[in-house]
C-alpha atoms as a PDB file:
ATOM      1  CA  MET A   1      63.930   8.317  24.987  1.00  0.00           C
ATOM      2  CA  LYS A   2      63.589   5.243  27.175  1.00  0.00           C
ATOM      3  CA  THR A   3      66.491   4.482  29.493  1.00  0.00           C
ATOM      4  CA  GLY A   4      67.181   1.517  31.727  1.00  0.00           C
ATOM      5  CA  ARG A   5      67.311  -2.189  31.028  1.00  0.00           C
ATOM      6  CA  ARG A   6      63.995  -3.810  30.208  1.00  0.00           C
ATOM      7  CA  THR A   7      63.163  -6.020  33.175  1.00  0.00           C
ATOM      8  CA  VAL A   8      59.814  -7.614  32.440  1.00  0.00           C
ATOM      9  CA  ALA A   9      57.189  -7.667  29.722  1.00  0.00           C
ATOM     10  CA  VAL A  10      53.645  -8.872  30.279  1.00  0.00           C
ATOM     11  CA  ALA A  11      51.976 -10.414  27.231  1.00  0.00           C
ATOM     12  CA  ALA A  12      48.506  -9.320  26.164  1.00  0.00           C
ATOM     13  CA  PHE A  13      45.770 -11.108  28.104  1.00  0.00           C
ATOM     14  CA  VAL A  14      42.691 -11.083  25.902  1.00  0.00           C
ATOM     15  CA  GLY A  15      39.554 -13.120  25.590  1.00  0.00           C
ATOM     16  CA  ALA A  16      36.697 -14.006  27.873  1.00  0.00           C
ATOM     17  CA  LEU A  17      38.938 -15.575  30.538  1.00  0.00           C
ATOM     18  CA  GLY A  18      41.804 -13.130  30.299  1.00  0.00           C
ATOM     19  CA  PHE A  19      41.313 -11.838  33.829  1.00  0.00           C
ATOM     20  CA  SER A  20      41.787 -15.302  35.327  1.00  0.00           C
ATOM     21  CA  VAL A  21      45.355 -15.380  34.047  1.00  0.00           C
ATOM     22  CA  LEU A  22      46.307 -12.321  36.036  1.00  0.00           C
ATOM     23  CA  ASN A  23      44.219 -13.374  39.010  1.00  0.00           C
ATOM     24  CA  ALA A  24      45.551 -16.833  39.720  1.00  0.00           C
ATOM     25  CA  PRO A  25      44.620 -18.722  42.908  1.00  0.00           C
ATOM     26  CA  ALA A  26      45.435 -16.432  45.786  1.00  0.00           C
ATOM     27  CA  ALA A  27      47.367 -16.851  48.989  1.00  0.00           C
ATOM     28  CA  GLN A  28      46.109 -15.220  52.139  1.00  0.00           C
ATOM     29  CA  ALA A  29      46.310 -11.449  51.796  1.00  0.00           C
ATOM     30  CA  ALA A  30      49.539 -10.105  53.263  1.00  0.00           C
ATOM     31  CA  ASP A  31      51.672  -6.993  52.995  1.00  0.00           C
ATOM     32  CA  THR A  32      54.006  -7.523  50.061  1.00  0.00           C
ATOM     33  CA  GLY A  33      56.082  -4.393  50.562  1.00  0.00           C
ATOM     34  CA  VAL A  34      55.772  -3.670  46.832  1.00  0.00           C
ATOM     35  CA  THR A  35      54.770  -0.125  45.916  1.00  0.00           C
ATOM     36  CA  VAL A  36      53.090   0.994  42.704  1.00  0.00           C
ATOM     37  CA  SER A  37      53.089   4.779  42.342  1.00  0.00           C
ATOM     38  CA  ASP A  38      52.734   7.667  39.868  1.00  0.00           C
ATOM     39  CA  ILE A  39      49.945   5.925  37.954  1.00  0.00           C
ATOM     40  CA  VAL A  40      48.816   7.801  34.830  1.00  0.00           C
ATOM     41  CA  ILE A  41      45.981   6.387  32.733  1.00  0.00           C
ATOM     42  CA  ASN A  42      45.274   7.544  29.166  1.00  0.00           C
ATOM     43  CA  ASN A  43      47.428  10.615  29.780  1.00  0.00           C
ATOM     44  CA  GLY A  44      44.800  11.865  32.234  1.00  0.00           C
ATOM     45  CA  LYS A  45      42.061  12.028  29.582  1.00  0.00           C
ATOM     46  CA  PRO A  46      38.679  10.229  29.549  1.00  0.00           C
ATOM     47  CA  ILE A  47      38.580   6.833  27.844  1.00  0.00           C
ATOM     48  CA  VAL A  48      36.033   6.742  25.008  1.00  0.00           C
ATOM     49  CA  VAL A  49      34.655   3.363  23.933  1.00  0.00           C
ATOM     50  CA  GLY A  50      32.318   2.474  21.073  1.00  0.00           C
ATOM     51  CA  THR A  51      30.362  -0.698  20.337  1.00  0.00           C
ATOM     52  CA  SER A  52      32.852  -2.982  18.591  1.00  0.00           C
ATOM     53  CA  LYS A  53      36.416  -1.650  18.404  1.00  0.00           C
ATOM     54  CA  GLU A  54      38.876  -2.691  21.093  1.00  0.00           C
ATOM     55  CA  VAL A  55      40.406   0.233  22.977  1.00  0.00           C
ATOM     56  CA  GLU A  56      43.891   0.202  24.500  1.00  0.00           C
ATOM     57  CA  PRO A  57      44.443   3.377  26.543  1.00  0.00           C
ATOM     58  CA  PRO A  58      48.062   3.917  27.598  1.00  0.00           C
ATOM     59  CA  ILE A  59      49.187   3.487  31.200  1.00  0.00           C
ATOM     60  CA  ARG A  60      52.417   4.259  32.980  1.00  0.00           C
ATOM     61  CA  PHE A  61      53.501   3.701  36.562  1.00  0.00           C
ATOM     62  CA  ASN A  62      56.519   3.097  38.804  1.00  0.00           C
ATOM     63  CA  ILE A  63      57.372   0.049  40.916  1.00  0.00           C
ATOM     64  CA  ALA A  64      59.461  -0.113  44.117  1.00  0.00           C
ATOM     65  CA  LEU A  65      60.473  -3.503  45.524  1.00  0.00           C
ATOM     66  CA  PRO A  66      60.992  -4.637  49.134  1.00  0.00           C
ATOM     67  CA  SER A  67      64.147  -6.055  50.699  1.00  0.00           C
ATOM     68  CA  GLY A  68      65.213  -9.363  49.221  1.00  0.00           C
ATOM     69  CA  TYR A  69      63.799  -8.640  45.769  1.00  0.00           C
ATOM     70  CA  SER A  70      65.482  -7.145  42.717  1.00  0.00           C
ATOM     71  CA  THR A  71      64.456  -5.880  39.294  1.00  0.00           C
ATOM     72  CA  ALA A  72      67.107  -8.269  37.981  1.00  0.00           C
ATOM     73  CA  ASP A  73      64.716 -11.122  38.790  1.00  0.00           C
ATOM     74  CA  PRO A  74      61.256 -10.048  37.520  1.00  0.00           C
ATOM     75  CA  SER A  75      59.860 -13.577  37.932  1.00  0.00           C
ATOM     76  CA  ARG A  76      59.769 -13.027  41.710  1.00  0.00           C
ATOM     77  CA  TYR A  77      57.165 -10.251  41.711  1.00  0.00           C
ATOM     78  CA  THR A  78      54.031  -9.041  39.921  1.00  0.00           C
ATOM     79  CA  ALA A  79      52.646  -5.514  40.186  1.00  0.00           C
ATOM     80  CA  TYR A  80      50.172  -3.699  37.943  1.00  0.00           C
ATOM     81  CA  PRO A  81      47.260  -1.222  38.110  1.00  0.00           C
ATOM     82  CA  PHE A  82      43.699  -1.960  36.968  1.00  0.00           C
ATOM     83  CA  LEU A  83      40.285  -0.273  36.805  1.00  0.00           C
ATOM     84  CA  TYR A  84      37.269  -1.470  38.747  1.00  0.00           C
ATOM     85  CA  ARG A  85      33.800  -0.591  39.986  1.00  0.00           C
ATOM     86  CA  GLY A  86      32.172  -1.710  43.222  1.00  0.00           C
ATOM     87  CA  SER A  87      34.166  -4.050  45.448  1.00  0.00           C
ATOM     88  CA  ILE A  88      37.821  -4.341  44.494  1.00  0.00           C
ATOM     89  CA  ASN A  89      37.996  -8.029  45.382  1.00  0.00           C
ATOM     90  CA  THR A  90      34.711  -8.971  43.700  1.00  0.00           C
ATOM     91  CA  ALA A  91      35.733  -7.163  40.528  1.00  0.00           C
ATOM     92  CA  ALA A  92      39.201  -8.720  40.399  1.00  0.00           C
ATOM     93  CA  ASP A  93      38.011 -12.232  41.319  1.00  0.00           C
ATOM     94  CA  THR A  94      35.059 -12.380  38.918  1.00  0.00           C
ATOM     95  CA  GLY A  95      36.202 -10.108  36.079  1.00  0.00           C
ATOM     96  CA  GLU A  96      32.934  -8.166  36.217  1.00  0.00           C
ATOM     97  CA  ASN A  97      33.413  -4.383  36.380  1.00  0.00           C
ATOM     98  CA  PHE A  98      37.136  -5.054  36.007  1.00  0.00           C
ATOM     99  CA  ILE A  99      39.532  -3.738  33.337  1.00  0.00           C
ATOM    100  CA  GLN A 100      43.047  -5.144  33.336  1.00  0.00           C
ATOM    101  CA  PRO A 101      46.302  -4.353  31.545  1.00  0.00           C
ATOM    102  CA  GLY A 102      46.569  -5.574  27.992  1.00  0.00           C
ATOM    103  CA  SER A 103      50.362  -5.498  28.126  1.00  0.00           C
ATOM    104  CA  TYR A 104      53.125  -3.525  29.758  1.00  0.00           C
ATOM    105  CA  THR A 105      56.899  -3.417  29.880  1.00  0.00           C
ATOM    106  CA  CYS A 106      59.067  -2.303  32.805  1.00  0.00           C
ATOM    107  CA  TYR A 107      62.470  -0.648  32.537  1.00  0.00           C
ATOM    108  CA  GLU A 108      65.000  -0.912  35.343  1.00  0.00           C
ATOM    109  CA  ILE A 109      65.914   2.322  37.128  1.00  0.00           C
ATOM    110  CA  ASP A 110      68.020   0.516  39.732  1.00  0.00           C
ATOM    111  CA  SER A 111      67.886  -2.812  41.570  1.00  0.00           C
ATOM    112  CA  LYS A 112      64.781  -1.774  43.536  1.00  0.00           C
ATOM    113  CA  HIS A 113      62.913   0.517  41.132  1.00  0.00           C
ATOM    114  CA  ALA A 114      61.395   0.195  37.673  1.00  0.00           C
ATOM    115  CA  ARG A 115      59.480   2.465  35.344  1.00  0.00           C
ATOM    116  CA  CYS A 116      56.630   0.741  33.488  1.00  0.00           C
ATOM    117  CA  GLU A 117      54.496   1.605  30.487  1.00  0.00           C
ATOM    118  CA  GLY A 118      51.912  -0.184  28.408  1.00  0.00           C
ATOM    119  CA  ASN A 119      48.160  -0.205  27.955  1.00  0.00           C
ATOM    120  CA  LEU A 120      44.843  -1.273  29.410  1.00  0.00           C
ATOM    121  CA  TYR A 121      42.598  -3.499  27.330  1.00  0.00           C
ATOM    122  CA  ILE A 122      38.885  -2.758  26.831  1.00  0.00           C
ATOM    123  CA  ASP A 123      36.762  -4.896  24.521  1.00  0.00           C
ATOM    124  CA  PRO A 124      33.081  -3.921  24.101  1.00  0.00           C
ATOM    125  CA  HIS A 125      32.229  -7.272  22.488  1.00  0.00           C
ATOM    126  CA  PRO A 126      29.156  -8.915  24.078  1.00  0.00           C
ATOM    127  CA  SER A 127      31.282 -11.880  25.201  1.00  0.00           C
ATOM    128  CA  GLN A 128      33.252  -9.560  27.465  1.00  0.00           C
ATOM    129  CA  GLU A 129      32.139  -7.842  30.674  1.00  0.00           C
ATOM    130  CA  HIS A 130      34.217  -4.702  30.293  1.00  0.00           C
ATOM    131  CA  VAL A 131      31.453  -2.310  29.203  1.00  0.00           C
ATOM    132  CA  ASP A 132      28.215  -4.257  29.033  1.00  0.00           C
ATOM    133  CA  SER A 133      25.904  -1.593  30.482  1.00  0.00           C
ATOM    134  CA  ASN A 134      25.462   2.125  29.847  1.00  0.00           C
ATOM    135  CA  SER A 135      25.920   2.642  33.589  1.00  0.00           C
ATOM    136  CA  ASP A 136      29.591   1.795  32.966  1.00  0.00           C
ATOM    137  CA  ALA A 137      29.952   5.296  31.498  1.00  0.00           C
ATOM    138  CA  THR A 138      31.095   6.782  34.782  1.00  0.00           C
ATOM    139  CA  THR A 139      34.126   7.236  37.016  1.00  0.00           C
ATOM    140  CA  TRP A 140      36.099   4.039  37.622  1.00  0.00           C
ATOM    141  CA  LYS A 141      38.385   3.451  40.575  1.00  0.00           C
ATOM    142  CA  VAL A 142      42.025   2.474  40.201  1.00  0.00           C
ATOM    143  CA  GLY A 143      43.406  -0.496  42.087  1.00  0.00           C
ATOM    144  CA  VAL A 144      46.761  -2.253  42.094  1.00  0.00           C
ATOM    145  CA  SER A 145      47.531  -5.956  42.288  1.00  0.00           C
ATOM    146  CA  LEU A 146      50.736  -6.887  44.109  1.00  0.00           C
ATOM    147  CA  ARG A 147      52.361 -10.332  44.429  1.00  0.00           C
ATOM    148  CA  LEU A 148      55.604 -11.814  45.663  1.00  0.00           C
ATOM    149  CA  TRP A 149      56.702 -15.250  44.496  1.00  0.00           C
ATOM    150  CA  LYS A 150      58.929 -17.769  46.240  1.00  0.00           C
ATOM    151  CA  ALA A 151      62.122 -19.021  44.635  1.00  0.00           C
ATOM    152  CA  ASP A 152      60.366 -22.310  43.825  1.00  0.00           C
ATOM    153  CA  GLY A 153      57.563 -20.420  42.033  1.00  0.00           C
ATOM    154  CA  GLY A 154      54.955 -20.638  44.775  1.00  0.00           C
ATOM    155  CA  LEU A 155      52.979 -17.594  45.815  1.00  0.00           C
ATOM    156  CA  LYS A 156      54.433 -16.015  48.960  1.00  0.00           C
ATOM    157  CA  ALA A 157      52.136 -13.033  49.516  1.00  0.00           C
ATOM    158  CA  GLU A 158      49.603 -10.933  47.675  1.00  0.00           C
ATOM    159  CA  GLU A 159      47.426  -7.895  48.235  1.00  0.00           C
ATOM    160  CA  ARG A 160      45.154  -5.523  46.381  1.00  0.00           C
ATOM    161  CA  GLU A 161      45.099  -1.840  47.136  1.00  0.00           C
ATOM    162  CA  THR A 162      42.906   1.007  45.938  1.00  0.00           C
ATOM    163  CA  ARG A 163      44.304   4.346  44.828  1.00  0.00           C
ATOM    164  CA  SER A 164      42.892   7.874  44.856  1.00  0.00           C
ATOM    165  CA  THR A 165      43.455   8.063  41.094  1.00  0.00           C
ATOM    166  CA  THR A 166      40.344   7.540  38.941  1.00  0.00           C
ATOM    167  CA  ALA A 167      39.544   7.153  35.249  1.00  0.00           C
ATOM    168  CA  GLN A 168      36.459   8.303  33.341  1.00  0.00           C
ATOM    169  CA  LEU A 169      34.871   5.983  30.778  1.00  0.00           C
ATOM    170  CA  LYS A 170      32.619   7.558  28.140  1.00  0.00           C
ATOM    171  CA  ARG A 171      30.313   6.266  25.418  1.00  0.00           C
ATOM    172  CA  ALA A 172      31.521   7.122  21.915  1.00  0.00           C
ATOM    173  CA  ALA A 173      29.436   9.491  19.774  1.00  0.00           C
ATOM    174  CA  LYS A 174      29.222   9.972  16.014  1.00  0.00           C
ATOM    175  CA  ALA A 175      28.109  12.943  13.904  1.00  0.00           C
ATOM    176  CA  THR A 176      27.248  13.371  10.217  1.00  0.00           C
ATOM    177  CA  ALA A 177      26.827  16.460   8.016  1.00  0.00           C
ATOM    178  CA  ASP A 178      25.286  17.186   4.629  1.00  0.00           C
ATOM    179  CA  ALA A 179      25.203  20.656   3.087  1.00  0.00           C
ATOM    180  CA  SER A 180      22.990  21.404   0.074  1.00  0.00           C
ATOM    181  CA  PRO A 181      22.492  22.494  -2.597  1.00  0.00           C
ATOM    182  CA  GLU A 182      25.893  21.879  -4.150  1.00  0.00           C
ATOM    183  CA  PRO A 183      26.912  24.004  -5.996  1.00  0.00           C
ATOM    184  CA  VAL A 184      24.956  27.045  -4.843  1.00  0.00           C
ATOM    185  CA  THR A 185      24.517  30.589  -6.120  1.00  0.00           C
ATOM    186  CA  LYS A 186      26.057  33.300  -3.967  1.00  0.00           C
ATOM    187  CA  GLY A 187      23.458  34.879  -1.680  1.00  0.00           C
ATOM    188  CA  ARG A 188      21.185  31.834  -1.725  1.00  0.00           C
ATOM    189  CA  THR A 189      20.409  29.665   1.311  1.00  0.00           C
ATOM    190  CA  ILE A 190      22.454  26.604   2.241  1.00  0.00           C
ATOM    191  CA  THR A 191      20.768  23.992   4.420  1.00  0.00           C
ATOM    192  CA  VAL A 192      23.098  21.891   6.575  1.00  0.00           C
ATOM    193  CA  THR A 193      21.608  18.745   8.073  1.00  0.00           C
ATOM    194  CA  GLY A 194      23.161  16.001  10.158  1.00  0.00           C
ATOM    195  CA  LYS A 195      22.692  13.542  12.957  1.00  0.00           C
ATOM    196  CA  VAL A 196      24.293  12.709  16.305  1.00  0.00           C
ATOM    197  CA  THR A 197      24.273   9.160  17.661  1.00  0.00           C
ATOM    198  CA  ARG A 198      26.036   7.537  20.572  1.00  0.00           C
ATOM    199  CA  ALA A 199      27.087   4.034  21.572  1.00  0.00           C
ATOM    200  CA  ASN A 200      24.613   1.919  23.476  1.00  0.00           C
ATOM    201  CA  TRP A 201      26.770  -0.560  25.380  1.00  0.00           C
ATOM    202  CA  SER A 202      23.784  -2.738  26.235  1.00  0.00           C
ATOM    203  CA  THR A 203      22.700  -3.343  22.624  1.00  0.00           C
ATOM    204  CA  LYS A 204      26.064  -2.714  20.910  1.00  0.00           C
ATOM    205  CA  LYS A 205      24.408  -0.280  18.508  1.00  0.00           C
ATOM    206  CA  TYR A 206      24.454   3.496  18.022  1.00  0.00           C
ATOM    207  CA  ASP A 207      21.247   5.245  19.108  1.00  0.00           C
ATOM    208  CA  ALA A 208      19.913   8.711  18.287  1.00  0.00           C
ATOM    209  CA  TYR A 209      21.136  11.278  20.816  1.00  0.00           C
ATOM    210  CA  SER A 210      18.438  13.876  21.354  1.00  0.00           C
ATOM    211  CA  GLY A 211      18.478  17.235  23.108  1.00  0.00           C
ATOM    212  CA  ARG A 212      22.165  17.923  22.470  1.00  0.00           C
ATOM    213  CA  THR A 213      23.528  21.360  21.606  1.00  0.00           C
ATOM    214  CA  VAL A 214      25.794  21.018  18.576  1.00  0.00           C
ATOM    215  CA  SER A 215      27.937  23.631  16.814  1.00  0.00           C
ATOM    216  CA  LEU A 216      27.809  24.195  13.060  1.00  0.00           C
ATOM    217  CA  GLN A 217      31.281  25.195  11.907  1.00  0.00           C
ATOM    218  CA  PHE A 218      32.549  26.641   8.626  1.00  0.00           C
ATOM    219  CA  ARG A 219      36.009  26.846   7.085  1.00  0.00           C
ATOM    220  CA  ALA A 220      36.435  29.030   4.028  1.00  0.00           C
ATOM    221  CA  LYS A 221      38.438  27.690   1.110  1.00  0.00           C
ATOM    222  CA  GLY A 222      42.143  28.302   1.793  1.00  0.00           C
ATOM    223  CA  ALA A 223      41.609  28.939   5.525  1.00  0.00           C
ATOM    224  CA  ASP A 224      43.312  26.860   8.230  1.00  0.00           C
ATOM    225  CA  THR A 225      40.622  26.753  10.893  1.00  0.00           C
ATOM    226  CA  PHE A 226      36.911  26.148  11.346  1.00  0.00           C
ATOM    227  CA  LYS A 227      34.758  28.758  13.057  1.00  0.00           C
ATOM    228  CA  THR A 228      31.376  28.250  14.710  1.00  0.00           C
ATOM    229  CA  VAL A 229      28.625  30.015  12.743  1.00  0.00           C
ATOM    230  CA  LYS A 230      25.493  28.592  14.389  1.00  0.00           C
ATOM    231  CA  LYS A 231      24.273  26.180  17.029  1.00  0.00           C
ATOM    232  CA  ALA A 232      21.392  23.728  16.910  1.00  0.00           C
ATOM    233  CA  THR A 233      19.754  21.161  19.182  1.00  0.00           C
ATOM    234  CA  THR A 234      19.311  17.561  18.103  1.00  0.00           C
ATOM    235  CA  SER A 235      15.753  16.327  17.596  1.00  0.00           C
ATOM    236  CA  SER A 236      14.202  13.199  19.104  1.00  0.00           C
ATOM    237  CA  THR A 237      15.827  11.241  16.276  1.00  0.00           C
ATOM    238  CA  GLY A 238      19.209  12.905  16.758  1.00  0.00           C
ATOM    239  CA  GLY A 239      18.672  15.077  13.688  1.00  0.00           C
ATOM    240  CA  LEU A 240      20.223  18.494  13.076  1.00  0.00           C
ATOM    241  CA  LYS A 241      19.276  21.295  10.706  1.00  0.00           C
ATOM    242  CA  ALA A 242      20.481  24.839  10.186  1.00  0.00           C
ATOM    243  CA  THR A 243      20.480  27.369   7.341  1.00  0.00           C
ATOM    244  CA  VAL A 244      23.187  29.839   6.333  1.00  0.00           C
ATOM    245  CA  THR A 245      23.654  32.301   3.480  1.00  0.00           C
ATOM    246  CA  ALA A 246      26.092  31.269   0.758  1.00  0.00           C
ATOM    247  CA  SER A 247      28.966  33.738   0.508  1.00  0.00           C
ATOM    248  CA  VAL A 248      32.254  31.964  -0.296  1.00  0.00           C
ATOM    249  CA  ASP A 249      33.434  28.452  -1.087  1.00  0.00           C
ATOM    250  CA  GLY A 250      34.086  26.354   1.969  1.00  0.00           C
ATOM    251  CA  SER A 251      33.303  23.370   4.164  1.00  0.00           C
ATOM    252  CA  TYR A 252      30.672  22.802   6.853  1.00  0.00           C
ATOM    253  CA  ARG A 253      30.742  20.372   9.738  1.00  0.00           C
ATOM    254  CA  TRP A 254      28.884  19.618  12.975  1.00  0.00           C
ATOM    255  CA  VAL A 255      30.796  19.407  16.261  1.00  0.00           C
ATOM    256  CA  TYR A 256      29.446  17.948  19.503  1.00  0.00           C
ATOM    257  CA  TYR A 257      31.713  18.605  22.470  1.00  0.00           C
ATOM    258  CA  GLY A 258      30.514  15.739  24.675  1.00  0.00           C
ATOM    259  CA  ASN A 259      29.586  15.582  28.352  1.00  0.00           C
ATOM    260  CA  SER A 260      30.375  13.582  31.492  1.00  0.00           C
ATOM    261  CA  THR A 261      29.167  10.274  29.992  1.00  0.00           C
ATOM    262  CA  THR A 262      29.645  10.792  26.254  1.00  0.00           C
ATOM    263  CA  GLY A 263      32.682  11.580  24.143  1.00  0.00           C
ATOM    264  CA  ALA A 264      32.994  14.392  21.618  1.00  0.00           C
ATOM    265  CA  ALA A 265      32.113  13.891  17.949  1.00  0.00           C
ATOM    266  CA  THR A 266      33.047  15.779  14.795  1.00  0.00           C
ATOM    267  CA  SER A 267      31.436  15.013  11.458  1.00  0.00           C
ATOM    268  CA  ALA A 268      33.284  14.833   8.193  1.00  0.00           C
ATOM    269  CA  ALA A 269      33.359  18.223   6.447  1.00  0.00           C
ATOM    270  CA  ASP A 270      31.079  18.785   3.476  1.00  0.00           C
ATOM    271  CA  TYR A 271      32.437  21.187   0.845  1.00  0.00           C
ATOM    272  CA  VAL A 272      30.132  23.639  -0.953  1.00  0.00           C
ATOM    273  CA  ASP A 273      31.075  25.415  -4.184  1.00  0.00           C
ATOM    274  CA  VAL A 274      29.579  28.963  -4.240  1.00  0.00           C
ATOM    275  CA  ARG A 275      29.159  30.464  -7.721  1.00  0.00           C
END
């Protein structure tokens, strides 16, 4: 349950020029005295992105304010984490290799502290620069943007800081499965084929993913869980093929567990009636 008065909500900043809204003309860098701590991105899990669907991984963090500032007046300060690669200032100023918050809301703990939660915003569309190269499937650094505003609305001080926290971005993968014949006579051979593909962020298509070890799993009719019965390696076209002996009714699926640059993929299950 959330506690504390809501102090500030940041609207979603989307579109090609979204980053420029959060990165308005800057004053000379100076110590703001604002602290952003306890940053957690996507609950500590890798962020998996495909070729078209927008992804909004959750974020949460805490804010502590300096003397003269209060959570009762959220218009006087701005503080949020972001992801970047390369130079922190180049990324934040240009929007290239830069992933910003989509939206977040802060809840007052006391006059100097707030607890914030929301999401990052990642759009793989070609018009964006979030993930426009397969080299983006790597470890991203975490930075924070901090600003203090004067009573008249002018910018008093700002700074950007890097954090030891990181986030892993991965290319999405897909898997398919087809078991045949259906139905099948008990004791006969069932052939299970399939294919594994993964997102190509440069072309915005899914390409064959070769040389991957993939598990063939089976769940008998009435059972609760799948069990691995065989493993196979994808061909140059991403294809999979394995044979098993028909014994009882049940479903087959292929499962790829992913790696450091690619997310996991589980095919839909294909049911086979054994007679």
